All heavy atoms as atom14 arrays in JSON, in Angstrom:
{
  "sequence": "NIKWKIVVGHHPMYTGGSRTEGYDTKAIRNTLKPMFDKYKVDV",
  "atom14_mask": [
    [1, 1, 1, 1, 1, 1, 1, 1, 0, 0, 0, 0, 0, 0],
    [1, 1, 1, 1, 1, 1, 1, 1, 0, 0, 0, 0, 0, 0],
    [1, 1, 1, 1, 1, 1, 1, 1, 1, 0, 0, 0, 0, 0],
    [1, 1, 1, 1, 1, 1, 1, 1, 1, 1, 1, 1, 1, 1],
    [1, 1, 1, 1, 1, 1, 1, 1, 1, 0, 0, 0, 0, 0],
    [1, 1, 1, 1, 1, 1, 1, 1, 0, 0, 0, 0, 0, 0],
    [1, 1, 1, 1, 1, 1, 1, 0, 0, 0, 0, 0, 0, 0],
    [1, 1, 1, 1, 1, 1, 1, 0, 0, 0, 0, 0, 0, 0],
    [1, 1, 1, 1, 0, 0, 0, 0, 0, 0, 0, 0, 0, 0],
    [1, 1, 1, 1, 1, 1, 1, 1, 1, 1, 0, 0, 0, 0],
    [1, 1, 1, 1, 1, 1, 1, 1, 1, 1, 0, 0, 0, 0],
    [1, 1, 1, 1, 1, 1, 1, 0, 0, 0, 0, 0, 0, 0],
    [1, 1, 1, 1, 1, 1, 1, 1, 0, 0, 0, 0, 0, 0],
    [1, 1, 1, 1, 1, 1, 1, 1, 1, 1, 1, 1, 0, 0],
    [1, 1, 1, 1, 1, 1, 1, 0, 0, 0, 0, 0, 0, 0],
    [1, 1, 1, 1, 0, 0, 0, 0, 0, 0, 0, 0, 0, 0],
    [1, 1, 1, 1, 0, 0, 0, 0, 0, 0, 0, 0, 0, 0],
    [1, 1, 1, 1, 1, 1, 0, 0, 0, 0, 0, 0, 0, 0],
    [1, 1, 1, 1, 1, 1, 1, 1, 1, 1, 1, 0, 0, 0],
    [1, 1, 1, 1, 1, 1, 1, 0, 0, 0, 0, 0, 0, 0],
    [1, 1, 1, 1, 1, 1, 1, 1, 1, 0, 0, 0, 0, 0],
    [1, 1, 1, 1, 0, 0, 0, 0, 0, 0, 0, 0, 0, 0],
    [1, 1, 1, 1, 1, 1, 1, 1, 1, 1, 1, 1, 0, 0],
    [1, 1, 1, 1, 1, 1, 1, 1, 0, 0, 0, 0, 0, 0],
    [1, 1, 1, 1, 1, 1, 1, 0, 0, 0, 0, 0, 0, 0],
    [1, 1, 1, 1, 1, 1, 1, 1, 1, 0, 0, 0, 0, 0],
    [1, 1, 1, 1, 1, 0, 0, 0, 0, 0, 0, 0, 0, 0],
    [1, 1, 1, 1, 1, 1, 1, 1, 0, 0, 0, 0, 0, 0],
    [1, 1, 1, 1, 1, 1, 1, 1, 1, 1, 1, 0, 0, 0],
    [1, 1, 1, 1, 1, 1, 1, 1, 0, 0, 0, 0, 0, 0],
    [1, 1, 1, 1, 1, 1, 1, 0, 0, 0, 0, 0, 0, 0],
    [1, 1, 1, 1, 1, 1, 1, 1, 0, 0, 0, 0, 0, 0],
    [1, 1, 1, 1, 1, 1, 1, 1, 1, 0, 0, 0, 0, 0],
    [1, 1, 1, 1, 1, 1, 1, 0, 0, 0, 0, 0, 0, 0],
    [1, 1, 1, 1, 1, 1, 1, 1, 0, 0, 0, 0, 0, 0],
    [1, 1, 1, 1, 1, 1, 1, 1, 1, 1, 1, 0, 0, 0],
    [1, 1, 1, 1, 1, 1, 1, 1, 0, 0, 0, 0, 0, 0],
    [1, 1, 1, 1, 1, 1, 1, 1, 1, 0, 0, 0, 0, 0],
    [1, 1, 1, 1, 1, 1, 1, 1, 1, 1, 1, 1, 0, 0],
    [1, 1, 1, 1, 1, 1, 1, 1, 1, 0, 0, 0, 0, 0],
    [1, 1, 1, 1, 1, 1, 1, 0, 0, 0, 0, 0, 0, 0],
    [1, 1, 1, 1, 1, 1, 1, 1, 0, 0, 0, 0, 0, 0],
    [1, 1, 1, 1, 1, 1, 1, 0, 0, 0, 0, 0, 0, 0]
  ],
  "atom14_positions": [
    [[191.46, 80.31, 31.38], [190.23, 80.09, 30.61], [189.86, 81.3, 29.75], [189.15, 81.16, 28.76], [189.06, 79.77, 31.55], [189.28, 78.48, 32.32], [190.04, 77.62, 31.89], [188.63, 78.35, 33.47], [0.0, 0.0, 0.0], [0.0, 0.0, 0.0], [0.0, 0.0, 0.0], [0.0, 0.0, 0.0], [0.0, 0.0, 0.0], [0.0, 0.0, 0.0]],
    [[190.31, 82.48, 30.17], [189.98, 83.7, 29.42], [190.95, 83.84, 28.25], [192.13, 84.15, 28.43], [190.02, 84.94, 30.33], [188.92, 84.83, 31.4], [189.81, 86.21, 29.5], [188.91, 85.96, 32.39], [0.0, 0.0, 0.0], [0.0, 0.0, 0.0], [0.0, 0.0, 0.0], [0.0, 0.0, 0.0], [0.0, 0.0, 0.0], [0.0, 0.0, 0.0]],
    [[190.44, 83.6, 27.06], [191.27, 83.62, 25.86], [191.3, 85.0, 25.19], [192.26, 85.34, 24.5], [190.76, 82.59, 24.84], [190.65, 81.17, 25.4], [192.0, 80.67, 25.93], [191.89, 79.26, 26.48], [193.17, 78.79, 27.06], [0.0, 0.0, 0.0], [0.0, 0.0, 0.0], [0.0, 0.0, 0.0], [0.0, 0.0, 0.0], [0.0, 0.0, 0.0]],
    [[190.24, 85.78, 25.41], [190.15, 87.1, 24.77], [189.6, 88.13, 25.75], [188.69, 87.83, 26.52], [189.22, 87.03, 23.54], [189.66, 86.06, 22.5], [189.25, 84.77, 22.37], [190.6, 86.29, 21.45], [189.86, 84.17, 21.3], [190.7, 85.09, 20.71], [191.36, 87.39, 21.05], [191.54, 84.97, 19.59], [192.19, 87.27, 19.95], [192.27, 86.07, 19.23]],
    [[190.15, 89.34, 25.68], [189.66, 90.46, 26.47], [189.22, 91.57, 25.51], [190.02, 92.09, 24.74], [190.76, 90.98, 27.4], [191.2, 89.99, 28.46], [192.35, 90.52, 29.28], [192.84, 89.49, 30.31], [194.01, 90.01, 31.1], [0.0, 0.0, 0.0], [0.0, 0.0, 0.0], [0.0, 0.0, 0.0], [0.0, 0.0, 0.0], [0.0, 0.0, 0.0]],
    [[187.93, 91.89, 25.57], [187.36, 92.93, 24.71], [186.71, 93.98, 25.61], [185.91, 93.65, 26.49], [186.3, 92.33, 23.76], [186.94, 91.25, 22.86], [185.67, 93.43, 22.9], [185.92, 90.52, 21.99], [0.0, 0.0, 0.0], [0.0, 0.0, 0.0], [0.0, 0.0, 0.0], [0.0, 0.0, 0.0], [0.0, 0.0, 0.0], [0.0, 0.0, 0.0]],
    [[187.08, 95.23, 25.4], [186.47, 96.34, 26.14], [185.6, 97.14, 25.18], [186.0, 97.41, 24.04], [187.53, 97.25, 26.77], [186.87, 98.41, 27.53], [188.44, 96.46, 27.72], [0.0, 0.0, 0.0], [0.0, 0.0, 0.0], [0.0, 0.0, 0.0], [0.0, 0.0, 0.0], [0.0, 0.0, 0.0], [0.0, 0.0, 0.0], [0.0, 0.0, 0.0]],
    [[184.4, 97.5, 25.64], [183.45, 98.27, 24.83], [183.2, 99.61, 25.51], [182.82, 99.66, 26.68], [182.12, 97.52, 24.66], [181.19, 98.29, 23.72], [182.34, 96.1, 24.17], [0.0, 0.0, 0.0], [0.0, 0.0, 0.0], [0.0, 0.0, 0.0], [0.0, 0.0, 0.0], [0.0, 0.0, 0.0], [0.0, 0.0, 0.0], [0.0, 0.0, 0.0]],
    [[183.42, 100.69, 24.78], [183.12, 102.03, 25.26], [182.66, 102.89, 24.1], [182.88, 102.53, 22.93], [0.0, 0.0, 0.0], [0.0, 0.0, 0.0], [0.0, 0.0, 0.0], [0.0, 0.0, 0.0], [0.0, 0.0, 0.0], [0.0, 0.0, 0.0], [0.0, 0.0, 0.0], [0.0, 0.0, 0.0], [0.0, 0.0, 0.0], [0.0, 0.0, 0.0]],
    [[182.06, 104.02, 24.38], [181.53, 104.83, 23.28], [182.61, 105.6, 22.54], [182.64, 105.62, 21.31], [180.48, 105.82, 23.8], [179.9, 106.68, 22.72], [179.19, 106.16, 21.66], [179.95, 108.04, 22.51], [178.8, 107.14, 20.86], [179.26, 108.29, 21.35], [0.0, 0.0, 0.0], [0.0, 0.0, 0.0], [0.0, 0.0, 0.0], [0.0, 0.0, 0.0]],
    [[183.52, 106.24, 23.28], [184.49, 107.13, 22.65], [185.77, 106.37, 22.26], [186.33, 105.65, 23.09], [184.84, 108.27, 23.6], [183.68, 109.15, 23.93], [182.83, 108.89, 24.99], [183.22, 110.27, 23.33], [181.89, 109.82, 25.02], [182.09, 110.67, 24.03], [0.0, 0.0, 0.0], [0.0, 0.0, 0.0], [0.0, 0.0, 0.0], [0.0, 0.0, 0.0]],
    [[186.23, 106.53, 21.02], [187.43, 105.81, 20.57], [188.71, 106.44, 21.09], [188.73, 107.59, 21.52], [187.34, 105.93, 19.04], [186.62, 107.21, 18.82], [185.63, 107.34, 19.95], [0.0, 0.0, 0.0], [0.0, 0.0, 0.0], [0.0, 0.0, 0.0], [0.0, 0.0, 0.0], [0.0, 0.0, 0.0], [0.0, 0.0, 0.0], [0.0, 0.0, 0.0]],
    [[189.79, 105.64, 21.03], [191.13, 106.15, 21.34], [191.82, 106.74, 20.12], [192.66, 107.62, 20.22], [192.01, 105.03, 21.89], [191.61, 104.5, 23.23], [192.85, 103.32, 23.82], [191.95, 102.59, 25.18], [0.0, 0.0, 0.0], [0.0, 0.0, 0.0], [0.0, 0.0, 0.0], [0.0, 0.0, 0.0], [0.0, 0.0, 0.0], [0.0, 0.0, 0.0]],
    [[191.48, 106.18, 18.97], [192.01, 106.63, 17.69], [190.87, 106.67, 16.7], [189.92, 105.88, 16.8], [193.09, 105.67, 17.16], [194.29, 105.5, 18.06], [194.36, 104.43, 18.94], [195.34, 106.4, 18.03], [195.46, 104.25, 19.76], [196.45, 106.24, 18.84], [196.51, 105.17, 19.71], [197.59, 105.0, 20.53], [0.0, 0.0, 0.0], [0.0, 0.0, 0.0]],
    [[190.96, 107.56, 15.72], [189.94, 107.62, 14.7], [190.46, 108.35, 13.46], [191.21, 109.32, 13.58], [188.65, 108.31, 15.19], [187.77, 108.51, 14.07], [188.94, 109.66, 15.84], [0.0, 0.0, 0.0], [0.0, 0.0, 0.0], [0.0, 0.0, 0.0], [0.0, 0.0, 0.0], [0.0, 0.0, 0.0], [0.0, 0.0, 0.0], [0.0, 0.0, 0.0]],
    [[190.03, 107.86, 12.32], [190.29, 108.55, 11.06], [189.11, 109.4, 10.64], [189.03, 109.83, 9.5], [0.0, 0.0, 0.0], [0.0, 0.0, 0.0], [0.0, 0.0, 0.0], [0.0, 0.0, 0.0], [0.0, 0.0, 0.0], [0.0, 0.0, 0.0], [0.0, 0.0, 0.0], [0.0, 0.0, 0.0], [0.0, 0.0, 0.0], [0.0, 0.0, 0.0]],
    [[188.21, 109.67, 11.57], [187.08, 110.55, 11.3], [187.4, 111.98, 11.67], [188.56, 112.4, 11.69], [0.0, 0.0, 0.0], [0.0, 0.0, 0.0], [0.0, 0.0, 0.0], [0.0, 0.0, 0.0], [0.0, 0.0, 0.0], [0.0, 0.0, 0.0], [0.0, 0.0, 0.0], [0.0, 0.0, 0.0], [0.0, 0.0, 0.0], [0.0, 0.0, 0.0]],
    [[186.38, 112.74, 12.03], [186.55, 114.17, 12.29], [187.17, 114.46, 13.65], [187.55, 115.59, 13.92], [185.2, 114.88, 12.2], [184.31, 114.39, 13.2], [0.0, 0.0, 0.0], [0.0, 0.0, 0.0], [0.0, 0.0, 0.0], [0.0, 0.0, 0.0], [0.0, 0.0, 0.0], [0.0, 0.0, 0.0], [0.0, 0.0, 0.0], [0.0, 0.0, 0.0]],
    [[187.28, 113.44, 14.52], [187.74, 113.67, 15.89], [189.14, 113.12, 16.14], [189.47, 112.75, 17.27], [186.75, 113.05, 16.87], [185.33, 113.61, 16.76], [184.39, 112.9, 17.7], [183.09, 113.5, 17.76], [182.04, 113.11, 17.05], [182.15, 112.11, 16.19], [180.86, 113.72, 17.17], [0.0, 0.0, 0.0], [0.0, 0.0, 0.0], [0.0, 0.0, 0.0]],
    [[189.97, 113.05, 15.11], [191.32, 112.49, 15.25], [192.09, 113.15, 16.38], [192.75, 112.49, 17.19], [192.1, 112.64, 13.94], [191.37, 111.99, 12.89], [193.48, 112.0, 14.05], [0.0, 0.0, 0.0], [0.0, 0.0, 0.0], [0.0, 0.0, 0.0], [0.0, 0.0, 0.0], [0.0, 0.0, 0.0], [0.0, 0.0, 0.0], [0.0, 0.0, 0.0]],
    [[192.01, 114.47, 16.45], [192.69, 115.23, 17.5], [191.7, 115.84, 18.47], [192.0, 116.85, 19.12], [193.57, 116.32, 16.87], [194.69, 115.78, 15.97], [195.66, 114.9, 16.73], [195.91, 115.17, 17.92], [196.16, 113.92, 16.14], [0.0, 0.0, 0.0], [0.0, 0.0, 0.0], [0.0, 0.0, 0.0], [0.0, 0.0, 0.0], [0.0, 0.0, 0.0]],
    [[190.53, 115.27, 18.58], [189.51, 115.8, 19.47], [189.86, 115.62, 20.94], [190.57, 114.69, 21.3], [0.0, 0.0, 0.0], [0.0, 0.0, 0.0], [0.0, 0.0, 0.0], [0.0, 0.0, 0.0], [0.0, 0.0, 0.0], [0.0, 0.0, 0.0], [0.0, 0.0, 0.0], [0.0, 0.0, 0.0], [0.0, 0.0, 0.0], [0.0, 0.0, 0.0]],
    [[189.34, 116.5, 21.77], [189.62, 116.42, 23.21], [189.1, 115.11, 23.8], [189.71, 114.54, 24.71], [189.01, 117.61, 23.95], [187.5, 117.67, 23.93], [186.75, 116.97, 24.87], [186.82, 118.44, 22.99], [185.36, 117.01, 24.86], [185.44, 118.48, 22.97], [184.71, 117.77, 23.9], [183.33, 117.8, 23.89], [0.0, 0.0, 0.0], [0.0, 0.0, 0.0]],
    [[187.98, 114.61, 23.27], [187.42, 113.37, 23.8], [188.28, 112.17, 23.42], [188.53, 111.29, 24.25], [185.97, 113.19, 23.33], [185.75, 113.54, 21.86], [186.73, 113.82, 21.15], [184.58, 113.52, 21.43], [0.0, 0.0, 0.0], [0.0, 0.0, 0.0], [0.0, 0.0, 0.0], [0.0, 0.0, 0.0], [0.0, 0.0, 0.0], [0.0, 0.0, 0.0]],
    [[188.76, 112.14, 22.17], [189.64, 111.06, 21.72], [190.92, 111.02, 22.55], [191.36, 109.96, 23.02], [189.99, 111.23, 20.23], [188.78, 111.34, 19.47], [190.8, 110.05, 19.71], [0.0, 0.0, 0.0], [0.0, 0.0, 0.0], [0.0, 0.0, 0.0], [0.0, 0.0, 0.0], [0.0, 0.0, 0.0], [0.0, 0.0, 0.0], [0.0, 0.0, 0.0]],
    [[191.53, 112.19, 22.74], [192.78, 112.27, 23.51], [192.56, 111.87, 24.97], [193.4, 111.2, 25.58], [193.35, 113.68, 23.44], [193.89, 114.07, 22.07], [194.41, 115.49, 22.09], [194.98, 115.9, 20.74], [195.44, 117.31, 20.75], [0.0, 0.0, 0.0], [0.0, 0.0, 0.0], [0.0, 0.0, 0.0], [0.0, 0.0, 0.0], [0.0, 0.0, 0.0]],
    [[191.42, 112.28, 25.53], [191.14, 111.97, 26.94], [191.05, 110.47, 27.16], [191.62, 109.93, 28.12], [189.84, 112.65, 27.38], [0.0, 0.0, 0.0], [0.0, 0.0, 0.0], [0.0, 0.0, 0.0], [0.0, 0.0, 0.0], [0.0, 0.0, 0.0], [0.0, 0.0, 0.0], [0.0, 0.0, 0.0], [0.0, 0.0, 0.0], [0.0, 0.0, 0.0]],
    [[190.36, 109.76, 26.26], [190.21, 108.31, 26.41], [191.54, 107.61, 26.2], [191.9, 106.68, 26.94], [189.14, 107.78, 25.44], [187.78, 108.42, 25.74], [189.04, 106.27, 25.52], [187.32, 108.27, 27.17], [0.0, 0.0, 0.0], [0.0, 0.0, 0.0], [0.0, 0.0, 0.0], [0.0, 0.0, 0.0], [0.0, 0.0, 0.0], [0.0, 0.0, 0.0]],
    [[192.3, 108.05, 25.21], [193.59, 107.43, 24.93], [194.55, 107.63, 26.11], [195.2, 106.67, 26.55], [194.19, 108.02, 23.66], [195.51, 107.37, 23.25], [195.89, 107.73, 21.84], [196.22, 109.12, 21.65], [195.54, 109.95, 20.85], [194.48, 109.52, 20.19], [195.9, 111.2, 20.71], [0.0, 0.0, 0.0], [0.0, 0.0, 0.0], [0.0, 0.0, 0.0]],
    [[194.62, 108.84, 26.63], [195.55, 109.12, 27.73], [195.14, 108.41, 29.02], [196.0, 107.98, 29.81], [195.63, 110.63, 27.98], [196.26, 111.38, 26.82], [196.99, 110.78, 26.03], [195.97, 112.65, 26.69], [0.0, 0.0, 0.0], [0.0, 0.0, 0.0], [0.0, 0.0, 0.0], [0.0, 0.0, 0.0], [0.0, 0.0, 0.0], [0.0, 0.0, 0.0]],
    [[193.84, 108.25, 29.22], [193.35, 107.66, 30.47], [193.42, 106.13, 30.46], [193.79, 105.52, 31.46], [191.89, 108.1, 30.72], [191.84, 109.53, 30.78], [191.36, 107.53, 32.03], [0.0, 0.0, 0.0], [0.0, 0.0, 0.0], [0.0, 0.0, 0.0], [0.0, 0.0, 0.0], [0.0, 0.0, 0.0], [0.0, 0.0, 0.0], [0.0, 0.0, 0.0]],
    [[193.05, 105.53, 29.34], [192.84, 104.08, 29.34], [193.91, 103.26, 28.62], [194.1, 102.08, 28.96], [191.47, 103.77, 28.71], [190.26, 104.31, 29.46], [188.98, 103.93, 28.73], [190.22, 103.83, 30.9], [0.0, 0.0, 0.0], [0.0, 0.0, 0.0], [0.0, 0.0, 0.0], [0.0, 0.0, 0.0], [0.0, 0.0, 0.0], [0.0, 0.0, 0.0]],
    [[194.58, 103.82, 27.65], [195.5, 103.0, 26.87], [196.61, 102.36, 27.72], [196.93, 101.18, 27.53], [196.11, 103.78, 25.71], [196.91, 102.88, 24.76], [197.4, 103.61, 23.54], [198.09, 102.64, 22.58], [199.27, 101.99, 23.17], [0.0, 0.0, 0.0], [0.0, 0.0, 0.0], [0.0, 0.0, 0.0], [0.0, 0.0, 0.0], [0.0, 0.0, 0.0]],
    [[197.24, 103.08, 28.67], [198.27, 102.44, 29.49], [197.75, 101.2, 30.23], [198.43, 100.18, 30.29], [198.69, 103.55, 30.46], [198.38, 104.82, 29.73], [197.13, 104.53, 28.96], [0.0, 0.0, 0.0], [0.0, 0.0, 0.0], [0.0, 0.0, 0.0], [0.0, 0.0, 0.0], [0.0, 0.0, 0.0], [0.0, 0.0, 0.0], [0.0, 0.0, 0.0]],
    [[196.53, 101.28, 30.77], [195.95, 100.14, 31.47], [195.66, 98.99, 30.51], [195.95, 97.83, 30.79], [194.65, 100.54, 32.18], [194.03, 99.42, 33.0], [192.29, 99.72, 33.45], [192.41, 101.27, 34.31], [0.0, 0.0, 0.0], [0.0, 0.0, 0.0], [0.0, 0.0, 0.0], [0.0, 0.0, 0.0], [0.0, 0.0, 0.0], [0.0, 0.0, 0.0]],
    [[195.09, 99.32, 29.36], [194.73, 98.29, 28.4], [195.97, 97.6, 27.84], [195.97, 96.4, 27.59], [193.9, 98.88, 27.27], [192.51, 99.31, 27.69], [192.07, 99.17, 29.0], [191.63, 99.85, 26.77], [190.8, 99.56, 29.4], [190.35, 100.24, 27.15], [189.94, 100.1, 28.46], [0.0, 0.0, 0.0], [0.0, 0.0, 0.0], [0.0, 0.0, 0.0]],
    [[197.03, 98.37, 27.63], [198.3, 97.77, 27.17], [198.88, 96.86, 28.25], [199.36, 95.76, 27.95], [199.3, 98.87, 26.82], [199.01, 99.53, 25.47], [198.27, 98.94, 24.66], [199.53, 100.63, 25.23], [0.0, 0.0, 0.0], [0.0, 0.0, 0.0], [0.0, 0.0, 0.0], [0.0, 0.0, 0.0], [0.0, 0.0, 0.0], [0.0, 0.0, 0.0]],
    [[198.83, 97.32, 29.48], [199.39, 96.56, 30.59], [198.74, 95.18, 30.71], [199.43, 94.17, 30.92], [199.22, 97.33, 31.9], [199.74, 96.61, 33.13], [199.53, 97.46, 34.39], [200.02, 96.73, 35.63], [199.8, 97.55, 36.86], [0.0, 0.0, 0.0], [0.0, 0.0, 0.0], [0.0, 0.0, 0.0], [0.0, 0.0, 0.0], [0.0, 0.0, 0.0]],
    [[197.43, 95.14, 30.55], [196.7, 93.88, 30.74], [196.34, 93.2, 29.42], [195.52, 92.3, 29.4], [195.45, 94.14, 31.6], [195.82, 94.59, 32.99], [195.56, 95.88, 33.41], [196.48, 93.73, 33.87], [195.92, 96.31, 34.69], [196.84, 94.15, 35.14], [196.56, 95.44, 35.54], [196.92, 95.86, 36.8], [0.0, 0.0, 0.0], [0.0, 0.0, 0.0]],
    [[196.98, 93.67, 28.35], [196.88, 93.01, 27.04], [195.43, 92.83, 26.57], [194.98, 91.72, 26.24], [197.61, 91.67, 27.07], [199.12, 91.8, 27.27], [199.83, 90.47, 27.27], [201.34, 90.59, 27.22], [201.94, 91.71, 27.95], [0.0, 0.0, 0.0], [0.0, 0.0, 0.0], [0.0, 0.0, 0.0], [0.0, 0.0, 0.0], [0.0, 0.0, 0.0]],
    [[194.71, 93.94, 26.54], [193.37, 93.93, 25.95], [193.52, 93.66, 24.45], [194.36, 94.25, 23.78], [192.66, 95.29, 26.18], [191.39, 95.4, 25.34], [192.33, 95.45, 27.66], [0.0, 0.0, 0.0], [0.0, 0.0, 0.0], [0.0, 0.0, 0.0], [0.0, 0.0, 0.0], [0.0, 0.0, 0.0], [0.0, 0.0, 0.0], [0.0, 0.0, 0.0]],
    [[192.73, 92.75, 23.95], [192.84, 92.37, 22.53], [192.14, 93.37, 21.62], [192.67, 93.74, 20.57], [192.24, 90.98, 22.33], [193.0, 89.91, 23.09], [194.15, 89.64, 22.73], [192.43, 89.37, 24.06], [0.0, 0.0, 0.0], [0.0, 0.0, 0.0], [0.0, 0.0, 0.0], [0.0, 0.0, 0.0], [0.0, 0.0, 0.0], [0.0, 0.0, 0.0]],
    [[190.93, 93.79, 22.02], [190.13, 94.67, 21.17], [189.47, 95.74, 22.02], [188.9, 95.44, 23.08], [189.03, 93.89, 20.41], [188.13, 94.84, 19.62], [189.64, 92.85, 19.49], [0.0, 0.0, 0.0], [0.0, 0.0, 0.0], [0.0, 0.0, 0.0], [0.0, 0.0, 0.0], [0.0, 0.0, 0.0], [0.0, 0.0, 0.0], [0.0, 0.0, 0.0]]
  ]
}
């Protein structure tokens, strides 16, 4: 029944703004992206 999985958080994993290589951006990407990829998060 679940057709879409959307996760909402404040800090992005990627950005074309001033924080592209920011510690916060890298922390979220390293921590969450493997899980989100594994379970096929859409957005």
